[in-house]
Amino acid sequence: MELRHLRYFVTVAQELNFTRAAEKLNTVQPSLSQQIKDLEREVGAQLLERNNRKVGLTEAGQAFLKEALLSLEHAERAIQAARQIANAQQDQLNIGFVPVAEMKVFPYIMPNIRAHFPELKAQFHSLTDAEQFNALRNGQIDIAFTRYPGQLSEFDSIRIFDEPLTLIIPKDSPAAALPYVSIKSFENQDFVISDEQSSPQLHKLIQEFFKQSKLKVNVVQYSTNILLNVNLVGMGVGWSLVPAYVIPLLGDNIVVKKTLEPLPMIGLYANYRKNQKHVVIDLILKVLKEKFCVDLF
């Protein structure tokens, strides 16, 4: 019996549908069905009840599912532990990040790392928040810079800073000549909004702001990265709300516009595994606490 057999079974048991399970596992249904049959043959018990209408767990299947989940969890922990030791032996640190950390945090921490650990190999991984938390849990990265703190009990987090959202508009927009605008002018305005999958926290923050302010805007484009927001605004596609760190990246065809009412704030967090013994991460946290107003969670 191999781990893949357990993964296949768990996925089918969770989906209760061979077609959906096969899609999730990136395999074909006949192959998946054969793998489950092979597993049942090796276990010596029927684990799933199948008919043309539905798939269900037998009593033996329910018992097997509990143990299979534990086995997969233990296997992931073993992989994580091995990766941590291997990285430590190789003097390697894997850092996950969102773009703001690259601009606002790394210039502070990297000189300190190079000064104290000149032989260390730092590997940078540009990932979404969700991808970073998965990688952190699996031991693929050692520290994650994200827009929201880790929710699992196995993570510790610190808030590094909060930054305001900023309204950017095309230079040829009629509102560009005004000293400031009210958020009421957002009504029915064309907007470029960050995509929910790529930037879930920013997307959520903006949508909640529109809802609380009772604003209906015309979303003409969902953007998969912040530079696309900037470029589309520069091309006159619409207005956009972006984190303030983007301002130095703006071209001459874009205007930063002040608003009468305050705009939301968005945070940046550093996340790491609890009880993780890593002297470089200790140094990073020390620098962050010295350079920024941080809060521990």
C-alpha atoms as a PDB file:
ATOM      1  CA  MET A   1       0.000   0.000   0.000  1.00  0.00           C
ATOM      2  CA  GLU A   2       1.341   3.427  -0.972  1.00  0.00           C
ATOM      3  CA  LEU A   3       0.484   6.921   0.216  1.00  0.00           C
ATOM      4  CA  ARG A   4      -1.106   7.686  -3.131  1.00  0.00           C
ATOM      5  CA  HIS A   5      -3.696   4.956  -2.473  1.00  0.00           C
ATOM      6  CA  LEU A   6      -4.623   6.696   0.765  1.00  0.00           C
ATOM      7  CA  ARG A   7      -4.818  10.091  -0.970  1.00  0.00           C
ATOM      8  CA  TYR A   8      -7.044   8.656  -3.694  1.00  0.00           C
ATOM      9  CA  PHE A   9      -9.364   7.026  -1.185  1.00  0.00           C
ATOM     10  CA  VAL A  10      -9.594  10.120   1.040  1.00  0.00           C
ATOM     11  CA  THR A  11     -10.417  12.337  -1.949  1.00  0.00           C
ATOM     12  CA  VAL A  12     -13.175   9.987  -3.146  1.00  0.00           C
ATOM     13  CA  ALA A  13     -14.520   9.703   0.406  1.00  0.00           C
ATOM     14  CA  GLN A  14     -14.633  13.489   0.737  1.00  0.00           C
ATOM     15  CA  GLU A  15     -16.137  14.168  -2.685  1.00  0.00           C
ATOM     16  CA  LEU A  16     -18.388  11.072  -2.769  1.00  0.00           C
ATOM     17  CA  ASN A  17     -18.128  11.348  -6.524  1.00  0.00           C
ATOM     18  CA  PHE A  18     -15.525   9.621  -8.708  1.00  0.00           C
ATOM     19  CA  THR A  19     -15.669  12.233 -11.478  1.00  0.00           C
ATOM     20  CA  ARG A  20     -15.024  15.184  -9.141  1.00  0.00           C
ATOM     21  CA  ALA A  21     -12.373  13.240  -7.242  1.00  0.00           C
ATOM     22  CA  ALA A  22     -10.555  12.352 -10.476  1.00  0.00           C
ATOM     23  CA  GLU A  23     -10.556  16.021 -11.546  1.00  0.00           C
ATOM     24  CA  LYS A  24      -9.205  17.089  -8.156  1.00  0.00           C
ATOM     25  CA  LEU A  25      -6.446  14.467  -8.364  1.00  0.00           C
ATOM     26  CA  ASN A  26      -5.616  15.293 -11.994  1.00  0.00           C
ATOM     27  CA  THR A  27      -6.242  11.747 -13.108  1.00  0.00           C
ATOM     28  CA  VAL A  28      -8.881   9.892 -15.136  1.00  0.00           C
ATOM     29  CA  GLN A  29     -11.883   8.167 -13.603  1.00  0.00           C
ATOM     30  CA  PRO A  30     -11.127   4.577 -14.824  1.00  0.00           C
ATOM     31  CA  SER A  31      -7.636   4.759 -13.335  1.00  0.00           C
ATOM     32  CA  LEU A  32      -8.990   6.120 -10.047  1.00  0.00           C
ATOM     33  CA  SER A  33     -11.628   3.373  -9.864  1.00  0.00           C
ATOM     34  CA  GLN A  34      -8.951   0.729 -10.425  1.00  0.00           C
ATOM     35  CA  GLN A  35      -6.733   2.209  -7.702  1.00  0.00           C
ATOM     36  CA  ILE A  36      -9.642   2.043  -5.219  1.00  0.00           C
ATOM     37  CA  LYS A  37     -10.368  -1.568  -6.203  1.00  0.00           C
ATOM     38  CA  ASP A  38      -6.702  -2.446  -5.695  1.00  0.00           C
ATOM     39  CA  LEU A  39      -6.809  -0.787  -2.271  1.00  0.00           C
ATOM     40  CA  GLU A  40      -9.951  -2.705  -1.255  1.00  0.00           C
ATOM     41  CA  ARG A  41      -8.338  -5.937  -2.413  1.00  0.00           C
ATOM     42  CA  GLU A  42      -5.257  -5.262  -0.292  1.00  0.00           C
ATOM     43  CA  VAL A  43      -7.314  -4.206   2.755  1.00  0.00           C
ATOM     44  CA  GLY A  44      -9.605  -7.202   2.356  1.00  0.00           C
ATOM     45  CA  ALA A  45     -12.795  -5.193   2.785  1.00  0.00           C
ATOM     46  CA  GLN A  46     -15.221  -3.142   0.704  1.00  0.00           C
ATOM     47  CA  LEU A  47     -14.650   0.499   1.592  1.00  0.00           C
ATOM     48  CA  LEU A  48     -17.093   2.190  -0.786  1.00  0.00           C
ATOM     49  CA  GLU A  49     -20.636   1.459  -1.870  1.00  0.00           C
ATOM     50  CA  ARG A  50     -21.170   2.359  -5.503  1.00  0.00           C
ATOM     51  CA  ASN A  51     -24.181   2.554  -7.767  1.00  0.00           C
ATOM     52  CA  ASN A  52     -25.198   4.662 -10.742  1.00  0.00           C
ATOM     53  CA  ARG A  53     -26.584   7.406  -8.523  1.00  0.00           C
ATOM     54  CA  LYS A  54     -24.148   7.843  -5.657  1.00  0.00           C
ATOM     55  CA  VAL A  55     -21.042   6.767  -3.822  1.00  0.00           C
ATOM     56  CA  GLY A  56     -21.053   6.116  -0.083  1.00  0.00           C
ATOM     57  CA  LEU A  57     -18.766   4.828   2.645  1.00  0.00           C
ATOM     58  CA  THR A  58     -19.278   1.406   4.135  1.00  0.00           C
ATOM     59  CA  GLU A  59     -18.818   0.971   7.875  1.00  0.00           C
ATOM     60  CA  ALA A  60     -15.346  -0.398   7.155  1.00  0.00           C
ATOM     61  CA  GLY A  61     -14.709   2.582   4.893  1.00  0.00           C
ATOM     62  CA  GLN A  62     -15.611   5.038   7.655  1.00  0.00           C
ATOM     63  CA  ALA A  63     -13.139   3.385  10.022  1.00  0.00           C
ATOM     64  CA  PHE A  64     -10.463   3.272   7.316  1.00  0.00           C
ATOM     65  CA  LEU A  65     -10.995   6.967   6.476  1.00  0.00           C
ATOM     66  CA  LYS A  66     -10.181   8.072  10.037  1.00  0.00           C
ATOM     67  CA  GLU A  67      -6.915   6.163  10.061  1.00  0.00           C
ATOM     68  CA  ALA A  68      -6.033   7.170   6.495  1.00  0.00           C
ATOM     69  CA  LEU A  69      -6.360  10.859   7.402  1.00  0.00           C
ATOM     70  CA  LEU A  70      -4.071  10.359  10.397  1.00  0.00           C
ATOM     71  CA  SER A  71      -1.527   8.483   8.272  1.00  0.00           C
ATOM     72  CA  LEU A  72      -1.434  11.271   5.675  1.00  0.00           C
ATOM     73  CA  GLU A  73      -1.075  13.882   8.404  1.00  0.00           C
ATOM     74  CA  HIS A  74       1.829  11.960   9.959  1.00  0.00           C
ATOM     75  CA  ALA A  75       3.459  11.593   6.548  1.00  0.00           C
ATOM     76  CA  GLU A  76       3.227  15.365   5.960  1.00  0.00           C
ATOM     77  CA  ARG A  77       4.803  16.005   9.366  1.00  0.00           C
ATOM     78  CA  ALA A  78       7.625  13.617   8.537  1.00  0.00           C
ATOM     79  CA  ILE A  79       8.266  15.397   5.230  1.00  0.00           C
ATOM     80  CA  GLN A  80       8.179  18.788   6.958  1.00  0.00           C
ATOM     81  CA  ALA A  81      10.648  17.677   9.640  1.00  0.00           C
ATOM     82  CA  ALA A  82      13.033  16.253   7.063  1.00  0.00           C
ATOM     83  CA  ARG A  83      12.891  19.418   4.938  1.00  0.00           C
ATOM     84  CA  GLN A  84      13.574  21.635   7.946  1.00  0.00           C
ATOM     85  CA  ILE A  85      16.665  19.622   8.898  1.00  0.00           C
ATOM     86  CA  ALA A  86      17.889  19.481   5.293  1.00  0.00           C
ATOM     87  CA  ASN A  87      17.512  23.247   4.883  1.00  0.00           C
ATOM     88  CA  ALA A  88      19.304  23.906   8.154  1.00  0.00           C
ATOM     89  CA  GLN A  89      22.176  21.659   7.126  1.00  0.00           C
ATOM     90  CA  GLN A  90      22.401  23.406   3.765  1.00  0.00           C
ATOM     91  CA  ASP A  91      22.400  26.865   5.354  1.00  0.00           C
ATOM     92  CA  GLN A  92      19.325  27.724   3.356  1.00  0.00           C
ATOM     93  CA  LEU A  93      16.321  29.916   4.152  1.00  0.00           C
ATOM     94  CA  ASN A  94      13.159  29.867   2.041  1.00  0.00           C
ATOM     95  CA  ILE A  95      11.136  33.081   2.186  1.00  0.00           C
ATOM     96  CA  GLY A  96       7.591  33.443   0.876  1.00  0.00           C
ATOM     97  CA  PHE A  97       6.293  36.903   0.158  1.00  0.00           C
ATOM     98  CA  VAL A  98       3.744  39.216  -1.434  1.00  0.00           C
ATOM     99  CA  PRO A  99       5.102  42.195  -3.430  1.00  0.00           C
ATOM    100  CA  VAL A 100       4.892  44.803  -0.654  1.00  0.00           C
ATOM    101  CA  ALA A 101       7.420  42.862   1.444  1.00  0.00           C
ATOM    102  CA  GLU A 102       9.876  42.917  -1.442  1.00  0.00           C
ATOM    103  CA  MET A 103       9.778  46.720  -1.468  1.00  0.00           C
ATOM    104  CA  LYS A 104       9.218  47.686   2.158  1.00  0.00           C
ATOM    105  CA  VAL A 105      10.696  44.885   4.301  1.00  0.00           C
ATOM    106  CA  PHE A 106      13.511  43.097   2.461  1.00  0.00           C
ATOM    107  CA  PRO A 107      15.727  46.225   2.235  1.00  0.00           C
ATOM    108  CA  TYR A 108      15.894  46.116   6.058  1.00  0.00           C
ATOM    109  CA  ILE A 109      16.250  42.409   6.731  1.00  0.00           C
ATOM    110  CA  MET A 110      18.525  41.280   3.888  1.00  0.00           C
ATOM    111  CA  PRO A 111      21.574  43.438   4.801  1.00  0.00           C
ATOM    112  CA  ASN A 112      21.345  42.096   8.364  1.00  0.00           C
ATOM    113  CA  ILE A 113      21.112  38.500   7.152  1.00  0.00           C
ATOM    114  CA  ARG A 114      24.118  38.929   4.856  1.00  0.00           C
ATOM    115  CA  ALA A 115      26.123  40.587   7.633  1.00  0.00           C
ATOM    116  CA  HIS A 116      25.441  37.890  10.240  1.00  0.00           C
ATOM    117  CA  PHE A 117      25.154  34.825   7.963  1.00  0.00           C
ATOM    118  CA  PRO A 118      27.283  35.463   4.869  1.00  0.00           C
ATOM    119  CA  GLU A 119      27.149  31.799   3.786  1.00  0.00           C
ATOM    120  CA  LEU A 120      23.359  31.576   3.960  1.00  0.00           C
ATOM    121  CA  LYS A 121      21.485  30.956   0.718  1.00  0.00           C
ATOM    122  CA  ALA A 122      18.186  32.842   0.740  1.00  0.00           C
ATOM    123  CA  GLN A 123      15.580  31.592  -1.712  1.00  0.00           C
ATOM    124  CA  PHE A 124      12.607  33.865  -2.454  1.00  0.00           C
ATOM    125  CA  HIS A 125       9.176  32.570  -3.447  1.00  0.00           C
ATOM    126  CA  SER A 126       6.550  34.991  -4.782  1.00  0.00           C
ATOM    127  CA  LEU A 127       3.266  33.335  -3.752  1.00  0.00           C
ATOM    128  CA  THR A 128      -0.302  34.212  -2.870  1.00  0.00           C
ATOM    129  CA  ASP A 129      -1.255  34.232   0.807  1.00  0.00           C
ATOM    130  CA  ALA A 130      -2.936  30.819   0.588  1.00  0.00           C
ATOM    131  CA  GLU A 131       0.016  29.311  -1.276  1.00  0.00           C
ATOM    132  CA  GLN A 132       2.391  30.641   1.372  1.00  0.00           C
ATOM    133  CA  PHE A 133       0.460  29.112   4.267  1.00  0.00           C
ATOM    134  CA  ASN A 134       0.382  25.734   2.505  1.00  0.00           C
ATOM    135  CA  ALA A 135       4.108  25.963   1.787  1.00  0.00           C
ATOM    136  CA  LEU A 136       4.832  27.021   5.372  1.00  0.00           C
ATOM    137  CA  ARG A 137       2.888  24.106   6.763  1.00  0.00           C
ATOM    138  CA  ASN A 138       4.617  21.650   4.421  1.00  0.00           C
ATOM    139  CA  GLY A 139       8.090  22.943   5.242  1.00  0.00           C
ATOM    140  CA  GLN A 140       8.693  24.324   1.742  1.00  0.00           C
ATOM    141  CA  ILE A 141       9.233  27.835   3.115  1.00  0.00           C
ATOM    142  CA  ASP A 142      10.464  28.945   6.536  1.00  0.00           C
ATOM    143  CA  ILE A 143       8.766  32.337   6.851  1.00  0.00           C
ATOM    144  CA  ALA A 144       5.793  33.876   5.062  1.00  0.00           C
ATOM    145  CA  PHE A 145       5.020  37.552   4.490  1.00  0.00           C
ATOM    146  CA  THR A 146       1.267  37.779   3.946  1.00  0.00           C
ATOM    147  CA  ARG A 147      -1.654  40.197   4.017  1.00  0.00           C
ATOM    148  CA  TYR A 148      -3.391  38.389   6.886  1.00  0.00           C
ATOM    149  CA  PRO A 149      -2.120  36.343   9.855  1.00  0.00           C
ATOM    150  CA  GLY A 150      -2.028  32.561   9.839  1.00  0.00           C
ATOM    151  CA  GLN A 151      -5.183  31.040  11.317  1.00  0.00           C
ATOM    152  CA  LEU A 152      -3.789  27.629  12.277  1.00  0.00           C
ATOM    153  CA  SER A 153      -2.577  27.003  15.827  1.00  0.00           C
ATOM    154  CA  GLU A 154       0.755  25.726  14.468  1.00  0.00           C
ATOM    155  CA  PHE A 155       1.704  29.235  13.259  1.00  0.00           C
ATOM    156  CA  ASP A 156       2.880  32.339  15.091  1.00  0.00           C
ATOM    157  CA  SER A 157       2.396  35.739  13.451  1.00  0.00           C
ATOM    158  CA  ILE A 158       3.399  39.351  13.928  1.00  0.00           C
ATOM    159  CA  ARG A 159       1.794  42.400  12.395  1.00  0.00           C
ATOM    160  CA  ILE A 160       4.542  44.437  10.753  1.00  0.00           C
ATOM    161  CA  PHE A 161       2.538  47.481   9.689  1.00  0.00           C
ATOM    162  CA  ASP A 162      -0.749  48.761   8.292  1.00  0.00           C
ATOM    163  CA  GLU A 163      -0.839  50.905   5.169  1.00  0.00           C
ATOM    164  CA  PRO A 164      -3.745  52.871   3.671  1.00  0.00           C
ATOM    165  CA  LEU A 165      -5.372  52.126   0.383  1.00  0.00           C
ATOM    166  CA  THR A 166      -4.903  54.874  -2.200  1.00  0.00           C
ATOM    167  CA  LEU A 167      -7.174  56.008  -5.022  1.00  0.00           C
ATOM    168  CA  ILE A 168      -5.424  56.215  -8.392  1.00  0.00           C
ATOM    169  CA  ILE A 169      -7.119  57.603 -11.498  1.00  0.00           C
ATOM    170  CA  PRO A 170      -6.091  58.388 -15.105  1.00  0.00           C
ATOM    171  CA  LYS A 171      -4.489  61.791 -15.609  1.00  0.00           C
ATOM    172  CA  ASP A 172      -7.079  62.722 -18.256  1.00  0.00           C
ATOM    173  CA  SER A 173     -10.004  61.968 -15.922  1.00  0.00           C
ATOM    174  CA  PRO A 174     -12.192  65.037 -15.161  1.00  0.00           C
ATOM    175  CA  ALA A 175     -11.604  64.383 -11.451  1.00  0.00           C
ATOM    176  CA  ALA A 176      -7.823  64.647 -11.868  1.00  0.00           C
ATOM    177  CA  ALA A 177      -7.920  68.449 -11.628  1.00  0.00           C
ATOM    178  CA  LEU A 178      -9.840  68.438  -8.338  1.00  0.00           C
ATOM    179  CA  PRO A 179      -7.877  68.834  -5.066  1.00  0.00           C
ATOM    180  CA  TYR A 180      -9.781  65.883  -3.598  1.00  0.00           C
ATOM    181  CA  VAL A 181     -12.859  63.742  -4.265  1.00  0.00           C
ATOM    182  CA  SER A 182     -15.622  62.269  -2.143  1.00  0.00           C
ATOM    183  CA  ILE A 183     -16.161  58.535  -2.176  1.00  0.00           C
ATOM    184  CA  LYS A 184     -19.667  59.397  -3.401  1.00  0.00           C
ATOM    185  CA  SER A 185     -18.034  60.027  -6.775  1.00  0.00           C
ATOM    186  CA  PHE A 186     -17.200  56.295  -6.894  1.00  0.00           C
ATOM    187  CA  GLU A 187     -20.866  55.603  -7.665  1.00  0.00           C
ATOM    188  CA  ASN A 188     -21.211  53.972 -11.117  1.00  0.00           C
ATOM    189  CA  GLN A 189     -17.549  54.727 -11.826  1.00  0.00           C
ATOM    190  CA  ASP A 190     -15.479  52.192 -13.814  1.00  0.00           C
ATOM    191  CA  PHE A 191     -13.070  50.390 -11.450  1.00  0.00           C
ATOM    192  CA  VAL A 192     -10.220  47.904 -11.776  1.00  0.00           C
ATOM    193  CA  ILE A 193     -10.366  45.587  -8.748  1.00  0.00           C
ATOM    194  CA  SER A 194      -7.821  43.055  -7.546  1.00  0.00           C
ATOM    195  CA  ASP A 195      -8.855  39.471  -8.202  1.00  0.00           C
ATOM    196  CA  GLU A 196     -10.182  37.436  -5.262  1.00  0.00           C
ATOM    197  CA  GLN A 197      -7.987  34.405  -5.892  1.00  0.00           C
ATOM    198  CA  SER A 198      -4.760  36.354  -6.422  1.00  0.00           C
ATOM    199  CA  SER A 199      -5.275  38.964  -3.671  1.00  0.00           C
ATOM    200  CA  PRO A 200      -8.045  37.659  -1.385  1.00  0.00           C
ATOM    201  CA  GLN A 201      -7.487  40.091   1.491  1.00  0.00           C
ATOM    202  CA  LEU A 202      -7.311  43.184  -0.719  1.00  0.00           C
ATOM    203  CA  HIS A 203     -10.331  42.019  -2.717  1.00  0.00           C
ATOM    204  CA  LYS A 204     -12.330  41.372   0.464  1.00  0.00           C
ATOM    205  CA  LEU A 205     -11.334  44.713   1.989  1.00  0.00           C
ATOM    206  CA  ILE A 206     -12.408  46.701  -1.080  1.00  0.00           C
ATOM    207  CA  GLN A 207     -15.678  44.828  -1.535  1.00  0.00           C
ATOM    208  CA  GLU A 208     -16.589  45.326   2.134  1.00  0.00           C
ATOM    209  CA  PHE A 209     -15.709  49.025   1.864  1.00  0.00           C
ATOM    210  CA  PHE A 210     -18.015  49.453  -1.133  1.00  0.00           C
ATOM    211  CA  LYS A 211     -20.784  47.561   0.645  1.00  0.00           C
ATOM    212  CA  GLN A 212     -20.493  49.498   3.924  1.00  0.00           C
ATOM    213  CA  SER A 213     -20.332  52.782   2.016  1.00  0.00           C
ATOM    214  CA  LYS A 214     -23.396  51.709  -0.036  1.00  0.00           C
ATOM    215  CA  LEU A 215     -21.506  52.270  -3.267  1.00  0.00           C
ATOM    216  CA  LYS A 216     -22.237  50.552  -6.559  1.00  0.00           C
ATOM    217  CA  VAL A 217     -19.272  50.690  -8.888  1.00  0.00           C
ATOM    218  CA  ASN A 218     -18.804  49.271 -12.367  1.00  0.00           C
ATOM    219  CA  VAL A 219     -16.056  46.649 -12.176  1.00  0.00           C
ATOM    220  CA  VAL A 220     -14.587  46.555 -15.693  1.00  0.00           C
ATOM    221  CA  GLN A 221     -11.604  44.322 -14.890  1.00  0.00           C
ATOM    222  CA  TYR A 222     -10.435  41.979 -12.135  1.00  0.00           C
ATOM    223  CA  SER A 223      -6.649  42.196 -11.925  1.00  0.00           C
ATOM    224  CA  THR A 224      -4.358  39.256 -11.123  1.00  0.00           C
ATOM    225  CA  ASN A 225      -1.466  41.456  -9.957  1.00  0.00           C
ATOM    226  CA  ILE A 226      -1.048  44.980  -8.654  1.00  0.00           C
ATOM    227  CA  LEU A 227       1.043  46.161 -11.615  1.00  0.00           C
ATOM    228  CA  LEU A 228      -1.871  45.289 -13.893  1.00  0.00           C
ATOM    229  CA  ASN A 229      -4.058  47.621 -11.795  1.00  0.00           C
ATOM    230  CA  VAL A 230      -1.509  50.371 -12.349  1.00  0.00           C
ATOM    231  CA  ASN A 231      -1.131  49.743 -16.084  1.00  0.00           C
ATOM    232  CA  LEU A 232      -4.875  49.580 -16.716  1.00  0.00           C
ATOM    233  CA  VAL A 233      -5.459  52.839 -14.856  1.00  0.00           C
ATOM    234  CA  GLY A 234      -2.652  54.407 -16.895  1.00  0.00           C
ATOM    235  CA  MET A 235      -4.416  53.263 -20.070  1.00  0.00           C
ATOM    236  CA  GLY A 236      -7.628  54.963 -18.951  1.00  0.00           C
ATOM    237  CA  VAL A 237      -9.583  51.772 -18.289  1.00  0.00           C
ATOM    238  CA  GLY A 238     -10.848  52.960 -14.906  1.00  0.00           C
ATOM    239  CA  TRP A 239     -10.031  53.976 -11.328  1.00  0.00           C
ATOM    240  CA  SER A 240      -8.488  51.661  -8.750  1.00  0.00           C
ATOM    241  CA  LEU A 241      -7.847  51.337  -5.019  1.00  0.00           C
ATOM    242  CA  VAL A 242      -4.315  50.089  -4.371  1.00  0.00           C
ATOM    243  CA  PRO A 243      -2.026  49.853  -1.318  1.00  0.00           C
ATOM    244  CA  ALA A 244       0.086  52.966  -0.760  1.00  0.00           C
ATOM    245  CA  TYR A 245       3.380  51.131  -1.438  1.00  0.00           C
ATOM    246  CA  VAL A 246       2.456  51.233  -5.154  1.00  0.00           C
ATOM    247  CA  ILE A 247       2.752  55.046  -5.389  1.00  0.00           C
ATOM    248  CA  PRO A 248       6.486  55.082  -6.367  1.00  0.00           C
ATOM    249  CA  LEU A 249       5.656  52.771  -9.286  1.00  0.00           C
ATOM    250  CA  LEU A 250       3.140  55.130 -10.897  1.00  0.00           C
ATOM    251  CA  GLY A 251       3.788  56.777 -14.245  1.00  0.00           C
ATOM    252  CA  ASP A 252       3.075  60.331 -15.352  1.00  0.00           C
ATOM    253  CA  ASN A 253      -0.293  59.315 -16.779  1.00  0.00           C
ATOM    254  CA  ILE A 254      -1.685  58.417 -13.332  1.00  0.00           C
ATOM    255  CA  VAL A 255      -2.808  60.728 -10.533  1.00  0.00           C
ATOM    256  CA  VAL A 256      -3.019  59.863  -6.832  1.00  0.00           C
ATOM    257  CA  LYS A 257      -6.244  61.414  -5.621  1.00  0.00           C
ATOM    258  CA  LYS A 258      -6.990  62.295  -1.999  1.00  0.00           C
ATOM    259  CA  THR A 259     -10.462  61.513  -0.690  1.00  0.00           C
ATOM    260  CA  LEU A 260     -12.575  63.435   1.777  1.00  0.00           C
ATOM    261  CA  GLU A 261     -13.396  60.253   3.637  1.00  0.00           C
ATOM    262  CA  PRO A 262     -10.747  57.836   4.949  1.00  0.00           C
ATOM    263  CA  LEU A 263     -10.012  54.735   2.909  1.00  0.00           C
ATOM    264  CA  PRO A 264      -9.428  51.286   4.457  1.00  0.00           C
ATOM    265  CA  MET A 265      -6.082  50.110   5.831  1.00  0.00           C
ATOM    266  CA  ILE A 266      -4.450  46.819   4.903  1.00  0.00           C
ATOM    267  CA  GLY A 267      -1.864  44.971   6.990  1.00  0.00           C
ATOM    268  CA  LEU A 268       1.321  43.034   6.380  1.00  0.00           C
ATOM    269  CA  TYR A 269       2.231  40.056   8.577  1.00  0.00           C
ATOM    270  CA  ALA A 270       5.188  37.767   9.114  1.00  0.00           C
ATOM    271  CA  ASN A 271       4.256  34.140   9.839  1.00  0.00           C
ATOM    272  CA  TYR A 272       6.434  31.244  10.968  1.00  0.00           C
ATOM    273  CA  ARG A 273       5.993  27.794  12.479  1.00  0.00           C
ATOM    274  CA  LYS A 274       5.545  27.657  16.237  1.00  0.00           C
ATOM    275  CA  ASN A 275       8.499  26.343  18.214  1.00  0.00           C
ATOM    276  CA  GLN A 276      10.638  26.535  15.093  1.00  0.00           C
ATOM    277  CA  LYS A 277      14.322  26.719  15.945  1.00  0.00           C
ATOM    278  CA  HIS A 278      15.979  28.889  13.311  1.00  0.00           C
ATOM    279  CA  VAL A 279      18.524  31.551  14.234  1.00  0.00           C
ATOM    280  CA  VAL A 280      17.963  33.465  10.982  1.00  0.00           C
ATOM    281  CA  ILE A 281      14.235  33.777  11.625  1.00  0.00           C
ATOM    282  CA  ASP A 282      15.046  34.988  15.142  1.00  0.00           C
ATOM    283  CA  LEU A 283      17.206  37.692  13.540  1.00  0.00           C
ATOM    284  CA  ILE A 284      14.462  38.634  11.073  1.00  0.00           C
ATOM    285  CA  LEU A 285      11.928  39.025  13.881  1.00  0.00           C
ATOM    286  CA  LYS A 286      14.403  41.125  15.867  1.00  0.00           C
ATOM    287  CA  VAL A 287      14.960  43.471  12.903  1.00  0.00           C
ATOM    288  CA  LEU A 288      11.224  43.742  12.239  1.00  0.00           C
ATOM    289  CA  LYS A 289      10.550  44.678  15.865  1.00  0.00           C
ATOM    290  CA  GLU A 290      13.289  47.319  15.747  1.00  0.00           C
ATOM    291  CA  LYS A 291      12.315  48.874  12.414  1.00  0.00           C
ATOM    292  CA  PHE A 292       8.516  48.619  12.515  1.00  0.00           C
ATOM    293  CA  CYS A 293       5.724  48.988  15.045  1.00  0.00           C
ATOM    294  CA  VAL A 294       4.807  45.305  15.304  1.00  0.00           C
ATOM    295  CA  ASP A 295       2.127  43.449  17.253  1.00  0.00           C
ATOM    296  CA  LEU A 296       2.490  39.825  18.349  1.00  0.00           C
ATOM    297  CA  PHE A 297      -0.407  37.365  17.959  1.00  0.00           C
END
